[in-house]
Amino acid sequence: MAYKITDACISCGACVDQCPTSCISEGTPYVINAPECIACGACANTCPVSACVQE
């Protein structure tokens, strides 16, 4: 199950460098391309505000 980024995102970009598939794009909030997400949890583990959650 892919991850998504909620409105709690503060657009800090911490998750972007941690994503092994580079499926996170900049925005407010940042956006995860679900078909490319491998549900590894790297984004959730690095997010300082817990904005990355599984769908």
C-alpha atoms as a PDB file:
ATOM      1  CA  MET A   1       0.000   0.000   0.000  1.00  0.00           C
ATOM      2  CA  ALA A   2       1.514   3.318  -1.098  1.00  0.00           C
ATOM      3  CA  TYR A   3       2.229   6.238   1.184  1.00  0.00           C
ATOM      4  CA  LYS A   4       0.695   9.685   0.873  1.00  0.00           C
ATOM      5  CA  ILE A   5       1.611  13.039   2.360  1.00  0.00           C
ATOM      6  CA  THR A   6      -1.058  14.730   4.441  1.00  0.00           C
ATOM      7  CA  ASP A   7      -1.803  18.411   4.967  1.00  0.00           C
ATOM      8  CA  ALA A   8       0.400  18.257   8.077  1.00  0.00           C
ATOM      9  CA  CYS A   9       3.383  18.545   5.684  1.00  0.00           C
ATOM     10  CA  ILE A  10       5.552  21.582   6.385  1.00  0.00           C
ATOM     11  CA  SER A  11       7.352  21.266   3.016  1.00  0.00           C
ATOM     12  CA  CYS A  12      10.760  20.814   4.647  1.00  0.00           C
ATOM     13  CA  GLY A  13      11.911  18.325   1.992  1.00  0.00           C
ATOM     14  CA  ALA A  14      13.393  15.833   4.458  1.00  0.00           C
ATOM     15  CA  CYS A  15      11.562  12.959   2.776  1.00  0.00           C
ATOM     16  CA  VAL A  16      12.746  13.692  -0.762  1.00  0.00           C
ATOM     17  CA  ASP A  17      16.361  12.601  -0.305  1.00  0.00           C
ATOM     18  CA  GLN A  18      15.316   9.477   1.588  1.00  0.00           C
ATOM     19  CA  CYS A  19      12.991   8.104  -1.114  1.00  0.00           C
ATOM     20  CA  PRO A  20      14.758   5.299  -3.038  1.00  0.00           C
ATOM     21  CA  THR A  21      12.419   5.630  -6.035  1.00  0.00           C
ATOM     22  CA  SER A  22      12.424   9.451  -6.199  1.00  0.00           C
ATOM     23  CA  CYS A  23       8.630   9.464  -6.331  1.00  0.00           C
ATOM     24  CA  ILE A  24       8.176  12.517  -4.090  1.00  0.00           C
ATOM     25  CA  SER A  25       7.737  15.873  -5.799  1.00  0.00           C
ATOM     26  CA  GLU A  26       7.870  19.363  -4.374  1.00  0.00           C
ATOM     27  CA  GLY A  27       4.670  21.155  -3.523  1.00  0.00           C
ATOM     28  CA  THR A  28       2.626  22.382  -0.617  1.00  0.00           C
ATOM     29  CA  PRO A  29       2.245  19.743   0.629  1.00  0.00           C
ATOM     30  CA  TYR A  30       4.777  17.520  -1.122  1.00  0.00           C
ATOM     31  CA  VAL A  31       3.211  14.777  -3.275  1.00  0.00           C
ATOM     32  CA  ILE A  32       4.000  11.068  -3.617  1.00  0.00           C
ATOM     33  CA  ASN A  33       3.425   9.440  -7.004  1.00  0.00           C
ATOM     34  CA  ALA A  34       1.542   6.378  -5.722  1.00  0.00           C
ATOM     35  CA  PRO A  35       2.256   4.040  -8.690  1.00  0.00           C
ATOM     36  CA  GLU A  36       6.006   4.560  -8.172  1.00  0.00           C
ATOM     37  CA  CYS A  37       5.885   4.217  -4.360  1.00  0.00           C
ATOM     38  CA  ILE A  38       7.244   0.878  -3.092  1.00  0.00           C
ATOM     39  CA  ALA A  39       5.855   1.427   0.439  1.00  0.00           C
ATOM     40  CA  CYS A  40       9.279   1.203   2.059  1.00  0.00           C
ATOM     41  CA  GLY A  41       8.439   3.752   4.762  1.00  0.00           C
ATOM     42  CA  ALA A  42      11.599   5.827   4.323  1.00  0.00           C
ATOM     43  CA  CYS A  43       9.538   9.000   4.050  1.00  0.00           C
ATOM     44  CA  ALA A  44       7.545   8.216   7.182  1.00  0.00           C
ATOM     45  CA  ASN A  45      10.690   7.415   9.139  1.00  0.00           C
ATOM     46  CA  THR A  46      12.291  10.767   8.306  1.00  0.00           C
ATOM     47  CA  CYS A  47       9.282  13.111   8.442  1.00  0.00           C
ATOM     48  CA  PRO A  48       9.569  15.422  11.480  1.00  0.00           C
ATOM     49  CA  VAL A  49       5.786  16.008  11.623  1.00  0.00           C
ATOM     50  CA  SER A  50       4.541  12.496  10.735  1.00  0.00           C
ATOM     51  CA  ALA A  51       2.906  13.729   7.530  1.00  0.00           C
ATOM     52  CA  CYS A  52       3.727  10.563   5.532  1.00  0.00           C
ATOM     53  CA  VAL A  53       1.118   7.887   6.098  1.00  0.00           C
ATOM     54  CA  GLN A  54       0.088   4.689   4.350  1.00  0.00           C
ATOM     55  CA  GLU A  55      -3.045   4.970   2.244  1.00  0.00           C
END
